[in-house]
N, C-alpha and C. Protein backbone atom coordinates (compact mmCIF):
# COMPACT_ATOMS: atom_id res chain seq x y z
N MET A 1 0.82 -1.19 0.00
CA MET A 1 0.00 0.00 0.00
C MET A 1 0.86 1.25 0.00
N ARG A 2 1.93 1.25 0.81
CA ARG A 2 2.81 2.39 0.89
C ARG A 2 3.50 2.65 -0.45
N ILE A 3 3.79 1.62 -1.19
CA ILE A 3 4.44 1.77 -2.50
C ILE A 3 3.49 2.47 -3.45
N ILE A 4 2.23 2.13 -3.41
CA ILE A 4 1.24 2.77 -4.29
C ILE A 4 1.10 4.26 -3.93
N GLN A 5 1.04 4.56 -2.62
CA GLN A 5 0.95 5.96 -2.20
C GLN A 5 2.19 6.74 -2.65
N THR A 6 3.35 6.16 -2.47
CA THR A 6 4.59 6.81 -2.88
C THR A 6 4.60 7.04 -4.39
N PHE A 7 4.14 6.04 -5.14
CA PHE A 7 4.07 6.18 -6.59
C PHE A 7 3.20 7.38 -6.98
N TRP A 8 2.00 7.50 -6.38
CA TRP A 8 1.08 8.59 -6.72
C TRP A 8 1.64 9.95 -6.29
N ILE A 9 2.32 10.01 -5.17
CA ILE A 9 2.93 11.27 -4.72
C ILE A 9 4.03 11.68 -5.69
N VAL A 10 4.88 10.75 -6.08
CA VAL A 10 5.95 11.06 -7.04
C VAL A 10 5.35 11.49 -8.37
N LEU A 11 4.33 10.81 -8.84
CA LEU A 11 3.67 11.18 -10.08
C LEU A 11 3.06 12.58 -9.99
N LEU A 12 2.44 12.91 -8.88
CA LEU A 12 1.86 14.23 -8.67
C LEU A 12 2.94 15.31 -8.68
N VAL A 13 4.05 15.07 -8.00
CA VAL A 13 5.15 16.04 -7.97
C VAL A 13 5.72 16.26 -9.36
N ILE A 14 5.92 15.21 -10.12
CA ILE A 14 6.43 15.32 -11.49
C ILE A 14 5.45 16.11 -12.36
N SER A 15 4.17 15.85 -12.19
CA SER A 15 3.16 16.57 -12.97
C SER A 15 3.17 18.06 -12.65
N VAL A 16 3.28 18.40 -11.37
CA VAL A 16 3.29 19.81 -10.97
C VAL A 16 4.54 20.50 -11.52
N ILE A 17 5.67 19.86 -11.43
CA ILE A 17 6.92 20.45 -11.93
C ILE A 17 6.86 20.62 -13.44
N SER A 18 6.36 19.64 -14.15
CA SER A 18 6.33 19.72 -15.61
C SER A 18 5.30 20.74 -16.10
N CYS A 19 4.32 21.11 -15.28
CA CYS A 19 3.32 22.09 -15.67
C CYS A 19 3.70 23.50 -15.23
N GLY A 20 4.88 23.66 -14.67
CA GLY A 20 5.33 24.97 -14.23
C GLY A 20 5.56 25.89 -15.42
N PRO A 21 5.94 27.14 -15.14
CA PRO A 21 6.15 28.10 -16.22
C PRO A 21 7.29 27.69 -17.14
N LYS A 22 7.15 28.01 -18.41
CA LYS A 22 8.19 27.71 -19.37
C LYS A 22 9.36 28.64 -19.14
N GLU A 23 10.53 28.21 -19.54
CA GLU A 23 11.71 29.06 -19.37
C GLU A 23 11.67 30.23 -20.34
N ASP A 24 11.08 30.06 -21.51
CA ASP A 24 10.96 31.14 -22.48
C ASP A 24 9.66 31.89 -22.23
N THR A 25 9.66 32.71 -21.21
CA THR A 25 8.46 33.49 -20.88
C THR A 25 8.24 34.54 -21.95
N PRO A 26 7.03 34.67 -22.46
CA PRO A 26 6.80 35.67 -23.49
C PRO A 26 7.06 37.08 -22.97
N TYR A 27 7.51 37.93 -23.87
CA TYR A 27 7.82 39.30 -23.50
C TYR A 27 6.54 40.08 -23.20
N GLU A 28 6.69 41.12 -22.41
CA GLU A 28 5.56 41.99 -22.11
C GLU A 28 5.36 42.96 -23.26
N SER A 29 4.15 43.33 -23.50
CA SER A 29 3.84 44.33 -24.52
C SER A 29 4.26 45.70 -24.04
N ILE A 30 4.64 46.54 -24.98
CA ILE A 30 4.87 47.93 -24.64
C ILE A 30 3.49 48.56 -24.46
N ILE A 31 3.34 49.34 -23.42
CA ILE A 31 2.07 49.97 -23.11
C ILE A 31 2.11 51.44 -23.50
N PHE A 32 1.15 51.84 -24.30
CA PHE A 32 1.02 53.24 -24.68
C PHE A 32 -0.02 53.90 -23.78
N ASP A 33 -0.01 55.22 -23.72
CA ASP A 33 -0.94 55.95 -22.88
C ASP A 33 -1.55 57.12 -23.65
N PRO A 34 -2.40 56.81 -24.66
CA PRO A 34 -3.01 57.88 -25.45
C PRO A 34 -3.90 58.78 -24.59
N PRO A 35 -4.00 60.06 -24.95
CA PRO A 35 -4.87 60.96 -24.18
C PRO A 35 -6.34 60.59 -24.37
N ALA A 36 -7.16 61.01 -23.43
CA ALA A 36 -8.59 60.66 -23.44
C ALA A 36 -9.29 61.09 -24.73
N TRP A 37 -8.91 62.24 -25.29
CA TRP A 37 -9.60 62.72 -26.49
C TRP A 37 -9.41 61.80 -27.69
N SER A 38 -8.34 61.00 -27.67
CA SER A 38 -8.06 60.13 -28.83
C SER A 38 -8.72 58.76 -28.74
N ILE A 39 -9.16 58.36 -27.55
CA ILE A 39 -9.70 57.01 -27.36
C ILE A 39 -10.94 56.81 -28.24
N GLY A 40 -10.91 55.74 -29.02
CA GLY A 40 -12.02 55.43 -29.90
C GLY A 40 -11.54 55.01 -31.28
N THR A 41 -12.47 54.92 -32.21
CA THR A 41 -12.18 54.49 -33.58
C THR A 41 -12.28 55.69 -34.51
N TRP A 42 -11.27 55.84 -35.37
CA TRP A 42 -11.18 56.97 -36.30
C TRP A 42 -11.05 56.43 -37.72
N ASP A 43 -11.88 56.92 -38.63
CA ASP A 43 -11.88 56.46 -40.02
C ASP A 43 -11.24 57.51 -40.92
N ASN A 44 -10.44 57.06 -41.87
CA ASN A 44 -9.79 57.96 -42.82
C ASN A 44 -10.85 58.59 -43.72
N GLU A 45 -10.74 59.91 -43.91
CA GLU A 45 -11.68 60.61 -44.78
C GLU A 45 -11.51 60.21 -46.24
N ALA A 46 -10.28 59.83 -46.61
CA ALA A 46 -10.01 59.43 -48.00
C ALA A 46 -10.27 57.93 -48.14
N PRO A 47 -11.35 57.55 -48.83
CA PRO A 47 -11.71 56.13 -48.90
C PRO A 47 -10.67 55.26 -49.61
N GLU A 48 -9.82 55.83 -50.46
CA GLU A 48 -8.82 55.05 -51.19
C GLU A 48 -7.48 54.97 -50.45
N ALA A 49 -7.37 55.59 -49.29
CA ALA A 49 -6.10 55.63 -48.54
C ALA A 49 -5.75 54.24 -48.00
N PHE A 50 -4.46 53.96 -47.90
CA PHE A 50 -4.00 52.66 -47.41
C PHE A 50 -4.35 52.47 -45.94
N THR A 51 -4.09 53.50 -45.10
CA THR A 51 -4.46 53.40 -43.69
C THR A 51 -5.93 53.77 -43.58
N LYS A 52 -6.75 52.78 -43.29
CA LYS A 52 -8.20 52.94 -43.32
C LYS A 52 -8.76 53.44 -41.98
N THR A 53 -8.27 52.85 -40.88
CA THR A 53 -8.83 53.13 -39.56
C THR A 53 -7.73 53.15 -38.50
N LEU A 54 -7.88 54.02 -37.52
CA LEU A 54 -7.03 54.05 -36.33
C LEU A 54 -7.91 53.75 -35.13
N ILE A 55 -7.44 52.87 -34.27
CA ILE A 55 -8.18 52.54 -33.05
C ILE A 55 -7.26 52.83 -31.87
N PHE A 56 -7.69 53.72 -31.00
CA PHE A 56 -6.95 54.05 -29.79
C PHE A 56 -7.67 53.44 -28.60
N THR A 57 -6.95 52.67 -27.79
CA THR A 57 -7.48 52.17 -26.53
C THR A 57 -6.71 52.88 -25.42
N GLU A 58 -7.00 52.55 -24.20
CA GLU A 58 -6.30 53.20 -23.10
C GLU A 58 -4.84 52.78 -23.01
N THR A 59 -4.46 51.68 -23.69
CA THR A 59 -3.08 51.18 -23.59
C THR A 59 -2.44 50.83 -24.93
N ASN A 60 -3.12 51.15 -26.04
CA ASN A 60 -2.60 50.67 -27.32
C ASN A 60 -3.13 51.51 -28.48
N ILE A 61 -2.49 51.31 -29.64
CA ILE A 61 -2.92 51.90 -30.90
C ILE A 61 -2.94 50.78 -31.93
N ILE A 62 -3.99 50.72 -32.72
CA ILE A 62 -4.09 49.71 -33.78
C ILE A 62 -4.46 50.41 -35.08
N SER A 63 -3.72 50.09 -36.13
CA SER A 63 -4.05 50.60 -37.47
C SER A 63 -4.66 49.47 -38.27
N GLU A 64 -5.74 49.78 -38.97
CA GLU A 64 -6.34 48.82 -39.91
C GLU A 64 -6.11 49.36 -41.31
N PHE A 65 -5.71 48.47 -42.22
CA PHE A 65 -5.35 48.89 -43.56
C PHE A 65 -6.37 48.41 -44.59
N MET A 66 -6.34 49.04 -45.75
CA MET A 66 -7.30 48.76 -46.82
C MET A 66 -7.25 47.30 -47.26
N ASP A 67 -6.08 46.66 -47.17
CA ASP A 67 -5.96 45.27 -47.60
C ASP A 67 -6.47 44.27 -46.55
N GLY A 68 -7.00 44.79 -45.43
CA GLY A 68 -7.54 43.92 -44.39
C GLY A 68 -6.55 43.59 -43.28
N SER A 69 -5.29 43.95 -43.44
CA SER A 69 -4.30 43.67 -42.40
C SER A 69 -4.39 44.72 -41.29
N THR A 70 -3.80 44.39 -40.15
CA THR A 70 -3.78 45.31 -39.02
C THR A 70 -2.37 45.42 -38.46
N LEU A 71 -2.11 46.51 -37.76
CA LEU A 71 -0.85 46.72 -37.07
C LEU A 71 -1.17 47.06 -35.63
N ASP A 72 -0.85 46.15 -34.73
CA ASP A 72 -1.03 46.35 -33.30
C ASP A 72 0.28 46.91 -32.78
N TYR A 73 0.30 48.19 -32.44
CA TYR A 73 1.55 48.84 -32.07
C TYR A 73 2.24 48.15 -30.89
N SER A 74 1.48 47.82 -29.85
CA SER A 74 2.09 47.20 -28.66
C SER A 74 2.76 45.88 -28.97
N GLN A 75 2.15 45.07 -29.81
CA GLN A 75 2.72 43.76 -30.13
C GLN A 75 3.79 43.83 -31.20
N SER A 76 3.63 44.71 -32.17
CA SER A 76 4.55 44.71 -33.31
C SER A 76 5.92 45.29 -33.00
N ILE A 77 6.02 46.10 -31.99
CA ILE A 77 7.34 46.69 -31.70
C ILE A 77 8.04 46.04 -30.52
N THR A 78 7.58 44.88 -30.09
CA THR A 78 8.20 44.25 -28.93
C THR A 78 8.78 42.87 -29.20
N PRO A 79 9.48 42.65 -30.31
CA PRO A 79 10.05 41.32 -30.51
C PRO A 79 11.21 41.02 -29.57
N ASN A 80 11.79 42.04 -28.97
CA ASN A 80 12.83 41.80 -27.96
C ASN A 80 12.77 42.91 -26.92
N THR A 81 13.48 42.73 -25.85
CA THR A 81 13.37 43.67 -24.73
C THR A 81 14.13 44.96 -24.94
N ASN A 82 14.85 45.12 -26.03
CA ASN A 82 15.59 46.37 -26.26
C ASN A 82 14.75 47.44 -26.93
N ASN A 83 13.53 47.14 -27.30
CA ASN A 83 12.65 48.12 -27.91
C ASN A 83 12.07 49.00 -26.81
N THR A 84 12.08 50.30 -27.02
CA THR A 84 11.61 51.19 -25.99
C THR A 84 10.87 52.38 -26.57
N ILE A 85 10.00 52.93 -25.76
CA ILE A 85 9.39 54.22 -26.09
C ILE A 85 10.39 55.27 -25.63
N ILE A 86 10.92 56.02 -26.58
CA ILE A 86 11.88 57.06 -26.23
C ILE A 86 11.15 58.24 -25.61
N GLU A 87 10.03 58.60 -26.23
CA GLU A 87 9.26 59.72 -25.72
C GLU A 87 7.80 59.55 -26.11
N GLU A 88 6.92 59.95 -25.21
CA GLU A 88 5.49 59.92 -25.45
C GLU A 88 4.95 61.26 -24.94
N ILE A 89 4.37 62.03 -25.84
CA ILE A 89 3.88 63.36 -25.49
C ILE A 89 2.38 63.41 -25.73
N ALA A 90 1.64 63.73 -24.70
CA ALA A 90 0.18 63.83 -24.81
C ALA A 90 -0.25 65.20 -24.30
N THR A 91 -0.94 65.95 -25.17
CA THR A 91 -1.47 67.25 -24.78
C THR A 91 -2.96 67.27 -25.12
N ASP A 92 -3.56 68.43 -24.95
CA ASP A 92 -4.98 68.58 -25.28
C ASP A 92 -5.24 68.50 -26.78
N ASN A 93 -4.20 68.70 -27.59
CA ASN A 93 -4.39 68.74 -29.05
C ASN A 93 -3.46 67.83 -29.83
N GLU A 94 -2.54 67.14 -29.16
CA GLU A 94 -1.56 66.33 -29.89
C GLU A 94 -1.12 65.13 -29.06
N TYR A 95 -0.86 64.05 -29.78
CA TYR A 95 -0.30 62.85 -29.17
C TYR A 95 0.82 62.36 -30.07
N SER A 96 2.04 62.30 -29.53
CA SER A 96 3.20 61.84 -30.31
C SER A 96 3.92 60.74 -29.56
N ILE A 97 4.40 59.77 -30.33
CA ILE A 97 5.24 58.72 -29.76
C ILE A 97 6.50 58.61 -30.61
N ILE A 98 7.61 58.45 -29.93
CA ILE A 98 8.89 58.18 -30.59
C ILE A 98 9.37 56.86 -30.02
N VAL A 99 9.57 55.89 -30.90
CA VAL A 99 9.89 54.53 -30.47
C VAL A 99 11.18 54.08 -31.14
N ARG A 100 12.03 53.39 -30.37
CA ARG A 100 13.25 52.79 -30.91
C ARG A 100 13.04 51.29 -30.98
N VAL A 101 13.26 50.73 -32.17
CA VAL A 101 13.17 49.29 -32.38
C VAL A 101 14.59 48.80 -32.66
N SER A 102 15.04 47.82 -31.89
CA SER A 102 16.37 47.26 -32.05
C SER A 102 16.28 45.89 -32.69
N PHE A 103 17.23 45.60 -33.57
CA PHE A 103 17.26 44.32 -34.27
C PHE A 103 18.45 43.50 -33.80
N PRO A 104 18.40 42.18 -33.97
CA PRO A 104 19.50 41.31 -33.50
C PRO A 104 20.87 41.67 -34.07
N ASP A 105 20.91 42.27 -35.27
CA ASP A 105 22.21 42.62 -35.86
C ASP A 105 22.71 43.99 -35.38
N ASP A 106 22.18 44.47 -34.25
CA ASP A 106 22.55 45.74 -33.62
C ASP A 106 22.11 46.98 -34.39
N GLU A 107 21.30 46.81 -35.42
CA GLU A 107 20.75 47.98 -36.10
C GLU A 107 19.55 48.46 -35.31
N GLU A 108 19.31 49.77 -35.39
CA GLU A 108 18.16 50.36 -34.71
C GLU A 108 17.36 51.20 -35.69
N PHE A 109 16.08 51.28 -35.44
CA PHE A 109 15.18 52.08 -36.25
C PHE A 109 14.36 52.92 -35.28
N VAL A 110 14.35 54.23 -35.48
CA VAL A 110 13.56 55.12 -34.64
C VAL A 110 12.44 55.70 -35.50
N PHE A 111 11.21 55.60 -35.00
CA PHE A 111 10.10 56.18 -35.75
C PHE A 111 9.25 57.06 -34.85
N THR A 112 8.59 58.01 -35.49
CA THR A 112 7.71 58.94 -34.80
C THR A 112 6.31 58.84 -35.41
N ARG A 113 5.30 58.78 -34.55
CA ARG A 113 3.92 58.83 -34.99
C ARG A 113 3.28 60.00 -34.24
N THR A 114 2.63 60.89 -34.98
CA THR A 114 2.00 62.05 -34.38
C THR A 114 0.55 62.11 -34.81
N PHE A 115 -0.32 62.39 -33.86
CA PHE A 115 -1.75 62.51 -34.09
C PHE A 115 -2.17 63.87 -33.56
N LYS A 116 -2.59 64.76 -34.47
CA LYS A 116 -2.97 66.12 -34.07
C LYS A 116 -4.47 66.28 -34.17
N LYS A 117 -5.08 66.68 -33.05
CA LYS A 117 -6.52 66.90 -33.03
C LYS A 117 -6.81 68.20 -33.77
N THR A 118 -7.66 68.13 -34.79
CA THR A 118 -8.03 69.33 -35.54
C THR A 118 -9.42 69.82 -35.14
N SER A 119 -10.21 68.97 -34.51
CA SER A 119 -11.50 69.34 -33.92
C SER A 119 -11.86 68.20 -32.96
N THR A 120 -13.01 68.29 -32.34
CA THR A 120 -13.40 67.22 -31.40
C THR A 120 -13.69 65.91 -32.12
N THR A 121 -13.89 65.98 -33.44
CA THR A 121 -14.22 64.77 -34.18
C THR A 121 -13.25 64.46 -35.32
N SER A 122 -12.12 65.16 -35.39
CA SER A 122 -11.15 64.84 -36.44
C SER A 122 -9.73 65.01 -35.95
N LEU A 123 -8.84 64.23 -36.55
CA LEU A 123 -7.41 64.33 -36.26
C LEU A 123 -6.63 64.10 -37.54
N THR A 124 -5.39 64.59 -37.57
CA THR A 124 -4.49 64.35 -38.68
C THR A 124 -3.37 63.46 -38.18
N PHE A 125 -3.05 62.44 -38.95
CA PHE A 125 -2.04 61.44 -38.59
C PHE A 125 -0.79 61.69 -39.41
N TYR A 126 0.37 61.73 -38.72
CA TYR A 126 1.67 61.92 -39.36
C TYR A 126 2.57 60.74 -39.04
N ASP A 127 3.23 60.24 -40.06
CA ASP A 127 4.19 59.15 -39.93
C ASP A 127 5.56 59.75 -40.25
N ASP A 128 6.40 59.92 -39.22
CA ASP A 128 7.71 60.56 -39.39
C ASP A 128 7.58 61.86 -40.19
N LEU A 129 6.70 62.73 -39.77
CA LEU A 129 6.44 64.07 -40.34
C LEU A 129 5.71 64.06 -41.67
N GLU A 130 5.47 62.90 -42.26
CA GLU A 130 4.72 62.83 -43.51
C GLU A 130 3.24 62.65 -43.17
N GLU A 131 2.39 63.52 -43.72
CA GLU A 131 0.97 63.44 -43.42
C GLU A 131 0.37 62.20 -44.09
N ILE A 132 -0.29 61.39 -43.27
CA ILE A 132 -0.93 60.17 -43.76
C ILE A 132 -2.38 60.45 -44.13
N GLY A 133 -3.04 61.30 -43.37
CA GLY A 133 -4.42 61.63 -43.68
C GLY A 133 -5.17 62.21 -42.51
N THR A 134 -6.39 62.63 -42.80
CA THR A 134 -7.29 63.16 -41.79
C THR A 134 -8.31 62.07 -41.47
N PHE A 135 -8.54 61.87 -40.19
CA PHE A 135 -9.42 60.81 -39.72
C PHE A 135 -10.56 61.44 -38.91
N VAL A 136 -11.76 60.89 -39.06
CA VAL A 136 -12.92 61.37 -38.32
C VAL A 136 -13.37 60.30 -37.30
N LYS A 137 -13.80 60.76 -36.15
CA LYS A 137 -14.19 59.84 -35.10
C LYS A 137 -15.53 59.19 -35.40
N ARG A 138 -15.59 57.91 -35.21
CA ARG A 138 -16.81 57.14 -35.44
C ARG A 138 -17.82 57.36 -34.34
């Protein structure tokens, strides 16, 4: 009887250990902090534009494109822990992020995204100072 109990205890311990956390813990997402005025869904005024929709949540930005693809900012810029938000500026009329993305070959890419409120229901989106378009709030 004691052998059976010992067997089950050993089996239980092995099961608990094997179900523990993996050594390759997934990385944490970068968290953005958009201002309250930007939270929501914004549609591009130009129906033929590549960037169709911008979605701002309390912790993220998502772009939806004409081809049906999406870009989740928090997930797409975090393939390794060296990616950082260099600066995030939120005012009553503007939200800008400057992000550094590092690659395994030691190359870095810095990009800026700026969203300027032009009214309570519209904003203009800039990608590294190039105007992408005017978006209206849904």
